[in-house]
Amino acid sequence: MTVFKTFLRILNKNKMIIMLYTGILLGFGALNSRTTSQDMNFSDTKPALAIINDDKDGELAKDLVRYLDEHGELTEYDLDLSDSDDSKVVDDALFYRQIHYLVYIPKDFTARFMAGDDVKLTTKSTGDFKAELSKMLVERYMKTANTYKNLDVTDAGELVEKIDKNIDITADATITSKLDTEALELAGVYFNFESYSILACLIYVICIVMSVFNTKKIKDRTNISSMDFKKHNTILLLCNCMYSVVAWAFYFAFGYVLFGKTIISTHGMLFAFNSFLFTICAATIAFFIGSIVSNKDAIGGIVNVVSLGSSFLCGAFVPATWLPDGVLAIAHALPTYYYINANDRIKQMETFDMTSLKPVFIDMGIVMAFALAFVIMTNVVSAKKRRA
C-alpha cells in the first residue's frame, strides 16, 4: 500500500506536465487521422496535354486529337519544333507544368500509316505520373489502330470507326463488400498512430515516476525493508499498468468522439482490444527502461529514440507496405510491428471466424510475449542492482 500511495503522490505532483503531454499526443493522433482522410479520397484528374498536328486533314490524326481531348486537358499549338524559338515555347510550358505531355503528329501521318509505313509520333514529357498517364493514352490509341490495321483494314474512315467503337469499352463493376472501408481505414490510421502516442506517453510518465523510486534515498529504504524486491516490482508494475489503462481509456474515448459507431462495431472492439494489449506491453517496456534509467534529463531523448524509432520502422507513420524489406526485417524484432500488423488485418476483415481471426490472435500473442519478456528482464536487472 505504501508503494501505491507513493506512486499516486508522484503522479499528482507531475499532473500538469502529464496532462499537457497526453493532450498534445491526443491532438497529434486526431490531426494525423484527419489529414489522412483528406488524402484518401480519390478523384479522377485529366493530364494537361499539348498537340502539334501537321496532318490536319488526316482522319486518323483528327480522331487521335479528339480522343486525347476527351481524356485530357488538350492544348493545340501551331508551332514548328525545328524552330528554336518555337521549341523553347514548348520546353518552357513543360518546365512550368503548363503541360505534361506534348505529341507531334507529322505531315501525311494518316496516309503513311495506312500505307504501312513505320510512322512515329514525336513526344516530349515532364516525366511525372501525369506524363505517364498521357503516354498510356497515346500508346493505347496507337496499339488499337495497329491491331485493326494488321487485320487488313485499308480505309482510314473504317479504321477510325472501329477504333472509336472499341477503345472506350468499359465494364461495370459491382462492389459486394458491405464494409465502410473509408471509416475503417481512418480508424486503422488512428490506432496505428496510437502506438506512437501510447509508447511516448507511458515511457515519459513511467520513467518520471521510476526516477523518483530510483533515487538513492528511496532505494536504500526499499533495500533494507522486509519487502521482497519481486513483490516491490510487482506492485510498482501493477501501479504503472493501472495508469496505462487510464491513458488507454482516454485514447479509446477520443477515438469514439472521432469515429462514433465505427469504434463500437466488431472491428472497433478488435482495434480497442489490440490497443489495450499493446498498452500493457508498452507499460512493461516503460517499466524496464525506468528501472535502468535514473537521470530525468535523459528521459526526453529516450522517448524520442524508442517511440519515434519503432513507429517509423513498423509503419505507424508510413504504411508498412511502402517500407523496404530491410526495414521490415528489423521491425520484426519490435512489438509495435505485430500490433500494427494486427490492425491492418482487422480493418480488412469481412467475416469473424477462427480462420480469419487466428493471424490476428497470433500477432496479439506475440505482443504479450514481448510484455512477459520485459517483465522478466526488469526483475533480472533489479536483482543485480540490489545485489550490487
Protein backbone atom coordinates (compact mmCIF):
# COMPACT_ATOMS: atom_id res chain seq x y z
CA MET A 1 0.00 0.00 0.00
CA THR A 2 2.94 2.31 0.70
CA VAL A 3 4.25 1.83 -2.85
CA PHE A 4 0.79 2.56 -4.31
CA LYS A 5 0.36 5.76 -2.26
CA THR A 6 3.83 6.93 -3.22
CA PHE A 7 3.04 6.24 -6.87
CA LEU A 8 -0.13 8.37 -6.67
CA ARG A 9 1.72 11.21 -4.94
CA ILE A 10 4.32 11.31 -7.70
CA LEU A 11 1.61 11.34 -10.38
CA ASN A 12 -0.24 14.12 -8.58
CA LYS A 13 2.93 16.18 -8.27
CA ASN A 14 3.57 15.91 -12.03
CA LYS A 15 -0.09 16.03 -13.13
CA MET A 16 0.18 19.25 -15.17
CA ILE A 17 3.07 18.07 -17.34
CA ILE A 18 1.43 14.64 -17.71
CA MET A 19 -1.90 16.18 -18.80
CA LEU A 20 -0.15 18.53 -21.21
CA TYR A 21 1.93 15.76 -22.75
CA THR A 22 -1.06 13.43 -23.08
CA GLY A 23 -3.16 16.21 -24.61
CA ILE A 24 -0.50 17.02 -27.20
CA LEU A 25 -0.22 13.38 -28.25
CA LEU A 26 -4.02 13.05 -28.48
CA GLY A 27 -4.08 16.14 -30.66
CA PHE A 28 -1.40 14.69 -32.93
CA GLY A 29 -3.43 11.50 -33.30
CA ALA A 30 -6.59 13.39 -34.27
CA LEU A 31 -4.70 15.65 -36.67
CA ASN A 32 -2.97 12.70 -38.31
CA SER A 33 -6.25 10.82 -38.92
CA ARG A 34 -7.99 13.92 -40.31
CA THR A 35 -5.08 14.79 -42.60
CA THR A 36 -5.04 11.25 -43.91
CA SER A 37 -8.81 11.35 -44.54
CA GLN A 38 -8.33 14.21 -46.99
CA ASP A 39 -5.60 12.36 -48.86
CA MET A 40 -7.53 9.11 -49.18
CA ASN A 41 -10.38 10.43 -51.31
CA PHE A 42 -9.85 9.50 -54.95
CA SER A 43 -10.68 11.98 -57.67
CA ASP A 44 -10.19 11.48 -61.39
CA THR A 45 -7.80 14.00 -62.92
CA LYS A 46 -7.06 14.75 -66.54
CA PRO A 47 -3.47 15.35 -67.62
CA ALA A 48 -2.58 18.56 -69.42
CA LEU A 49 -1.62 17.58 -72.97
CA ALA A 50 -0.48 19.60 -75.94
CA ILE A 51 -0.54 18.61 -79.58
CA ILE A 52 1.04 19.93 -82.76
CA ASN A 53 -0.90 18.46 -85.66
CA ASP A 54 0.68 18.86 -89.11
CA ASP A 55 -1.77 16.36 -90.59
CA LYS A 56 -4.89 18.44 -90.13
CA ASP A 57 -6.85 16.74 -92.95
CA GLY A 58 -5.93 13.19 -91.99
CA GLU A 59 -8.84 11.26 -90.45
CA LEU A 60 -6.65 9.22 -88.12
CA ALA A 61 -4.84 12.34 -86.90
CA LYS A 62 -8.12 14.19 -86.28
CA ASP A 63 -9.52 11.22 -84.36
CA LEU A 64 -6.39 10.98 -82.22
CA VAL A 65 -6.79 14.67 -81.35
CA ARG A 66 -10.46 14.05 -80.46
CA TYR A 67 -9.54 11.08 -78.26
CA LEU A 68 -6.86 12.99 -76.36
CA ASP A 69 -9.20 15.95 -75.94
CA GLU A 70 -11.78 13.66 -74.29
CA HIS A 71 -9.30 12.15 -71.84
CA GLY A 72 -7.12 15.16 -71.07
CA GLU A 73 -6.96 18.92 -70.94
CA LEU A 74 -5.79 19.46 -74.52
CA THR A 75 -3.97 22.50 -75.87
CA GLU A 76 -3.22 22.75 -79.61
CA TYR A 77 -0.07 24.56 -80.71
CA ASP A 78 0.65 25.87 -84.18
CA LEU A 79 4.41 25.64 -83.86
CA ASP A 80 7.43 24.31 -85.71
CA LEU A 81 9.65 22.19 -83.47
CA SER A 82 12.59 22.67 -85.82
CA ASP A 83 12.50 26.38 -85.00
CA SER A 84 14.49 27.12 -81.86
CA ASP A 85 12.07 29.79 -80.62
CA ASP A 86 9.04 27.54 -81.08
CA SER A 87 10.87 24.65 -79.40
CA LYS A 88 11.69 26.93 -76.45
CA VAL A 89 7.97 27.74 -76.05
CA VAL A 90 7.24 24.03 -75.66
CA ASP A 91 10.16 23.46 -73.29
CA ASP A 92 9.05 26.35 -71.09
CA ALA A 93 5.48 25.04 -70.97
CA LEU A 94 6.77 21.63 -69.86
CA PHE A 95 9.16 23.14 -67.32
CA TYR A 96 6.45 25.23 -65.65
CA ARG A 97 3.99 22.29 -65.78
CA GLN A 98 1.56 24.15 -68.00
CA ILE A 99 1.51 20.91 -69.97
CA HIS A 100 2.74 17.45 -69.01
CA TYR A 101 3.00 15.80 -72.41
CA LEU A 102 3.45 17.01 -75.99
CA VAL A 103 2.53 14.97 -79.07
CA TYR A 104 3.72 15.97 -82.53
CA ILE A 105 1.79 14.47 -85.46
CA PRO A 106 3.90 14.70 -88.64
CA LYS A 107 2.63 15.69 -92.05
CA ASP A 108 0.86 12.92 -94.04
CA PHE A 109 0.68 10.82 -90.86
CA THR A 110 -2.65 9.19 -91.80
CA ALA A 111 -1.64 8.39 -95.38
CA ARG A 112 1.71 6.93 -94.38
CA PHE A 113 0.15 4.88 -91.56
CA MET A 114 -2.47 3.41 -93.91
CA ALA A 115 0.25 2.65 -96.44
CA GLY A 116 2.02 0.52 -93.86
CA ASP A 117 4.95 2.86 -93.16
CA ASP A 118 6.54 2.74 -89.71
CA VAL A 119 5.49 6.28 -88.83
CA LYS A 120 6.38 7.56 -85.37
CA LEU A 121 4.85 10.24 -83.17
CA THR A 122 7.36 12.65 -81.64
CA THR A 123 6.72 13.30 -77.94
CA LYS A 124 8.10 15.34 -75.05
CA SER A 125 7.15 14.94 -71.39
CA THR A 126 7.76 16.17 -67.86
CA GLY A 127 8.44 12.61 -66.70
CA ASP A 128 5.92 12.70 -63.85
CA PHE A 129 2.88 10.49 -63.29
CA LYS A 130 0.58 12.73 -65.36
CA ALA A 131 3.02 12.46 -68.24
CA GLU A 132 2.97 8.68 -67.87
CA LEU A 133 -0.83 8.74 -67.94
CA SER A 134 -0.71 10.79 -71.16
CA LYS A 135 1.79 8.35 -72.64
CA MET A 136 -0.55 5.46 -71.82
CA LEU A 137 -3.42 7.23 -73.62
CA VAL A 138 -1.36 7.72 -76.79
CA GLU A 139 0.03 4.18 -76.72
CA ARG A 140 -3.42 2.73 -76.15
CA TYR A 141 -4.80 4.54 -79.18
CA MET A 142 -1.89 3.60 -81.43
CA LYS A 143 -1.92 -0.07 -80.38
CA THR A 144 -5.62 -0.26 -81.15
CA ALA A 145 -5.02 1.38 -84.53
CA ASN A 146 -2.17 -1.04 -85.32
CA THR A 147 -4.31 -4.03 -84.31
CA TYR A 148 -7.05 -3.14 -86.80
CA LYS A 149 -4.52 -2.15 -89.47
CA ASN A 150 -2.97 -5.62 -89.17
CA LEU A 151 -6.44 -7.08 -89.79
CA ASP A 152 -6.32 -5.58 -93.30
CA VAL A 153 -8.50 -2.56 -92.65
CA THR A 154 -7.43 -0.38 -95.61
CA ASP A 155 -9.82 2.56 -95.37
CA ALA A 156 -8.97 5.33 -92.88
CA GLY A 157 -12.63 6.11 -92.20
CA GLU A 158 -13.41 2.46 -91.43
CA LEU A 159 -10.30 2.24 -89.22
CA VAL A 160 -11.35 5.29 -87.20
CA GLU A 161 -14.88 3.89 -86.83
CA LYS A 162 -13.58 0.59 -85.46
CA ILE A 163 -11.15 2.34 -83.09
CA ASP A 164 -13.88 4.60 -81.69
CA LYS A 165 -16.22 1.66 -81.28
CA ASN A 166 -13.85 -0.42 -79.20
CA ILE A 167 -11.26 1.79 -77.50
CA ASP A 168 -13.55 3.10 -74.77
CA ILE A 169 -15.33 -0.14 -73.89
CA THR A 170 -15.75 -0.33 -70.12
CA ALA A 171 -17.03 -2.98 -67.75
CA ASP A 172 -19.47 -2.38 -64.93
CA ALA A 173 -18.13 -3.33 -61.50
CA THR A 174 -20.32 -4.15 -58.54
CA ILE A 175 -18.96 -3.77 -55.02
CA THR A 176 -20.27 -6.64 -52.91
CA SER A 177 -18.45 -5.74 -49.71
CA LYS A 178 -20.66 -4.11 -47.08
CA LEU A 179 -17.71 -2.72 -45.15
CA ASP A 180 -17.40 1.01 -44.65
CA THR A 181 -13.84 0.86 -45.93
CA GLU A 182 -13.15 4.57 -45.58
CA ALA A 183 -14.23 4.66 -41.92
CA LEU A 184 -12.23 1.51 -41.14
CA GLU A 185 -9.19 2.91 -42.91
CA LEU A 186 -9.35 6.09 -40.85
CA ALA A 187 -9.83 4.13 -37.64
CA GLY A 188 -6.87 1.95 -38.59
CA VAL A 189 -4.72 5.04 -39.14
CA TYR A 190 -5.75 6.39 -35.73
CA PHE A 191 -4.97 3.17 -33.87
CA ASN A 192 -1.69 2.70 -35.76
CA PHE A 193 -0.62 6.21 -34.79
CA GLU A 194 -1.74 5.44 -31.24
CA SER A 195 1.22 3.07 -30.96
CA TYR A 196 3.48 6.13 -31.02
CA SER A 197 1.29 8.19 -28.68
CA ILE A 198 0.85 5.43 -26.11
CA LEU A 199 4.50 4.42 -26.15
CA ALA A 200 5.74 8.01 -25.88
CA CYS A 201 3.25 8.92 -23.15
CA LEU A 202 3.87 5.84 -21.00
CA ILE A 203 7.66 5.93 -21.30
CA TYR A 204 7.70 9.59 -20.36
CA VAL A 205 5.35 9.32 -17.38
CA ILE A 206 6.51 5.97 -16.02
CA CYS A 207 10.18 6.94 -16.33
CA ILE A 208 9.46 10.12 -14.35
CA VAL A 209 7.81 8.02 -11.63
CA MET A 210 10.57 5.41 -11.66
CA SER A 211 13.28 8.06 -11.48
CA VAL A 212 11.85 9.07 -8.09
CA PHE A 213 11.81 5.46 -6.87
CA ASN A 214 15.39 5.08 -8.12
CA THR A 215 16.73 7.98 -6.07
CA LYS A 216 19.33 6.81 -3.57
CA LYS A 217 17.27 7.74 -0.51
CA ILE A 218 14.21 5.72 -1.54
CA LYS A 219 16.26 2.83 -2.94
CA ASP A 220 18.15 2.46 0.32
CA ARG A 221 14.90 2.40 2.29
CA THR A 222 13.48 -0.22 -0.07
CA ASN A 223 16.59 -2.39 0.14
CA ILE A 224 16.63 -2.51 3.94
CA SER A 225 12.88 -3.11 4.20
CA SER A 226 11.39 -6.56 4.66
CA MET A 227 9.63 -6.36 1.27
CA ASP A 228 11.00 -8.75 -1.36
CA PHE A 229 12.20 -6.93 -4.49
CA LYS A 230 9.96 -9.11 -6.68
CA LYS A 231 6.91 -8.10 -4.67
CA HIS A 232 8.01 -4.46 -4.80
CA ASN A 233 8.43 -4.67 -8.58
CA THR A 234 5.08 -6.42 -8.97
CA ILE A 235 3.23 -3.73 -7.05
CA LEU A 236 5.02 -0.99 -8.95
CA LEU A 237 4.29 -2.70 -12.27
CA LEU A 238 0.60 -3.02 -11.36
CA CYS A 239 0.52 0.69 -10.49
CA ASN A 240 2.08 1.51 -13.85
CA CYS A 241 -0.42 -0.74 -15.61
CA MET A 242 -3.25 0.99 -13.77
CA TYR A 243 -2.10 4.37 -15.06
CA SER A 244 -1.61 2.84 -18.51
CA VAL A 245 -5.20 1.57 -18.61
CA VAL A 246 -6.45 5.04 -17.68
CA ALA A 247 -4.37 6.54 -20.51
CA TRP A 248 -5.70 3.87 -22.90
CA ALA A 249 -9.28 4.73 -21.86
CA PHE A 250 -8.65 8.37 -22.80
CA TYR A 251 -7.43 7.35 -26.26
CA PHE A 252 -10.37 4.99 -26.72
CA ALA A 253 -12.87 7.68 -25.68
CA PHE A 254 -11.20 10.15 -28.01
CA GLY A 255 -11.44 7.59 -30.83
CA TYR A 256 -15.17 7.29 -30.15
CA VAL A 257 -15.53 11.07 -30.44
CA LEU A 258 -13.72 10.99 -33.79
CA PHE A 259 -15.26 7.88 -35.37
CA GLY A 260 -18.51 7.22 -33.50
CA LYS A 261 -20.18 3.89 -34.29
CA THR A 262 -17.09 2.52 -36.03
CA ILE A 263 -15.36 2.27 -32.65
CA ILE A 264 -18.18 0.24 -31.04
CA SER A 265 -18.53 -2.11 -34.02
CA THR A 266 -16.91 -5.55 -34.09
CA HIS A 267 -13.94 -4.10 -35.95
CA GLY A 268 -13.70 -1.26 -33.44
CA MET A 269 -13.75 -3.64 -30.49
CA LEU A 270 -10.94 -5.67 -32.02
CA PHE A 271 -8.97 -2.46 -32.61
CA ALA A 272 -9.58 -1.49 -28.98
CA PHE A 273 -8.63 -4.90 -27.57
CA ASN A 274 -5.47 -4.94 -29.67
CA SER A 275 -4.53 -1.45 -28.48
CA PHE A 276 -5.26 -2.49 -24.87
CA LEU A 277 -2.80 -5.39 -25.13
CA PHE A 278 -0.22 -3.11 -26.73
CA THR A 279 -0.74 -0.60 -23.91
CA ILE A 280 0.11 -3.30 -21.35
CA CYS A 281 3.19 -4.19 -23.40
CA ALA A 282 4.16 -0.50 -23.61
CA ALA A 283 3.83 -0.25 -19.82
CA THR A 284 6.29 -3.13 -19.36
CA ILE A 285 8.71 -1.52 -21.83
CA ALA A 286 8.47 1.77 -19.94
CA PHE A 287 8.89 -0.09 -16.63
CA PHE A 288 12.04 -1.79 -17.93
CA ILE A 289 13.51 1.48 -19.20
CA GLY A 290 12.58 3.22 -15.94
CA SER A 291 14.38 0.52 -13.93
CA ILE A 292 17.68 1.14 -15.68
CA VAL A 293 17.49 4.93 -16.21
CA SER A 294 17.56 7.26 -13.25
CA ASN A 295 18.58 10.50 -14.98
CA LYS A 296 15.48 12.68 -15.62
CA ASP A 297 17.35 14.69 -18.26
CA ALA A 298 17.75 11.56 -20.39
CA ILE A 299 14.04 10.72 -20.45
CA GLY A 300 13.17 13.04 -23.34
CA GLY A 301 15.85 11.55 -25.56
CA ILE A 302 14.83 8.01 -24.69
CA VAL A 303 11.19 8.78 -25.53
CA ASN A 304 12.19 10.06 -28.97
CA VAL A 305 14.52 7.16 -29.75
CA VAL A 306 12.17 4.37 -28.65
CA SER A 307 8.75 5.71 -29.67
CA LEU A 308 9.73 7.52 -32.86
CA GLY A 309 12.19 4.83 -33.91
CA SER A 310 9.73 1.95 -33.55
CA SER A 311 6.94 3.98 -35.16
CA PHE A 312 8.98 4.80 -38.25
CA LEU A 313 10.31 1.25 -38.59
CA CYS A 314 7.00 -0.54 -38.04
CA GLY A 315 4.55 1.50 -40.13
CA ALA A 316 2.81 3.81 -37.67
CA PHE A 317 3.51 6.88 -39.81
CA VAL A 318 4.07 5.31 -43.23
CA PRO A 319 2.08 2.18 -44.26
CA ALA A 320 4.16 -0.97 -43.84
CA THR A 321 3.52 -1.94 -47.48
CA TRP A 322 5.55 1.11 -48.55
CA LEU A 323 8.57 0.24 -46.39
CA PRO A 324 11.65 -1.58 -47.78
CA ASP A 325 12.10 -5.25 -46.94
CA GLY A 326 15.26 -4.47 -44.97
CA VAL A 327 13.37 -2.08 -42.70
CA LEU A 328 10.57 -4.61 -42.14
CA ALA A 329 13.13 -7.28 -41.29
CA ILE A 330 14.37 -5.07 -38.43
CA ALA A 331 10.78 -4.22 -37.44
CA HIS A 332 10.04 -7.90 -36.75
CA ALA A 333 12.13 -7.57 -33.60
CA LEU A 334 9.77 -4.91 -32.18
CA PRO A 335 6.30 -5.40 -30.62
CA THR A 336 4.93 -2.37 -32.48
CA TYR A 337 5.24 -4.28 -35.76
CA TYR A 338 2.88 -7.04 -34.59
CA TYR A 339 0.43 -4.52 -33.14
CA ILE A 340 0.21 -2.62 -36.43
CA ASN A 341 0.13 -5.85 -38.42
CA ALA A 342 -2.90 -6.97 -36.39
CA ASN A 343 -4.61 -3.61 -37.02
CA ASP A 344 -4.00 -3.92 -40.75
CA ARG A 345 -5.55 -7.39 -40.71
CA ILE A 346 -8.55 -6.24 -38.66
CA LYS A 347 -9.54 -3.39 -40.99
CA GLN A 348 -9.64 -5.82 -43.94
CA MET A 349 -11.77 -8.50 -42.23
CA GLU A 350 -15.24 -9.18 -43.58
CA THR A 351 -16.02 -12.33 -41.60
CA PHE A 352 -15.16 -13.14 -38.00
CA ASP A 353 -14.34 -16.83 -37.76
CA MET A 354 -11.33 -18.68 -36.43
CA THR A 355 -9.69 -18.80 -39.85
CA SER A 356 -9.66 -15.02 -40.21
CA LEU A 357 -9.09 -14.29 -36.50
CA LYS A 358 -6.21 -16.72 -35.99
CA PRO A 359 -3.49 -14.48 -37.57
CA VAL A 360 -4.75 -11.52 -35.50
CA PHE A 361 -4.63 -13.54 -32.28
CA ILE A 362 -1.12 -14.75 -33.14
CA ASP A 363 0.06 -11.14 -33.51
CA MET A 364 -1.63 -10.25 -30.20
CA GLY A 365 0.03 -13.25 -28.53
CA ILE A 366 3.45 -12.12 -29.75
CA VAL A 367 2.84 -8.65 -28.28
CA MET A 368 2.04 -10.23 -24.91
CA ALA A 369 5.13 -12.44 -25.18
CA PHE A 370 7.18 -9.25 -25.52
CA ALA A 371 5.44 -7.89 -22.41
CA LEU A 372 6.35 -11.00 -20.42
CA ALA A 373 9.95 -10.81 -21.65
CA PHE A 374 10.28 -7.20 -20.47
CA VAL A 375 8.87 -8.10 -17.03
CA ILE A 376 11.46 -10.87 -16.68
CA MET A 377 14.28 -8.57 -17.81
CA THR A 378 13.17 -5.93 -15.30
CA ASN A 379 13.31 -8.43 -12.44
CA VAL A 380 16.76 -9.60 -13.53
CA VAL A 381 18.08 -6.04 -13.70
CA SER A 382 16.51 -5.18 -10.32
CA ALA A 383 18.05 -8.25 -8.69
CA LYS A 384 21.51 -7.38 -9.99
CA LYS A 385 21.21 -3.80 -8.83
CA ARG A 386 20.01 -4.91 -5.41
CA ARG A 387 22.99 -7.26 -5.00
CA ALA A 388 25.36 -4.50 -6.15
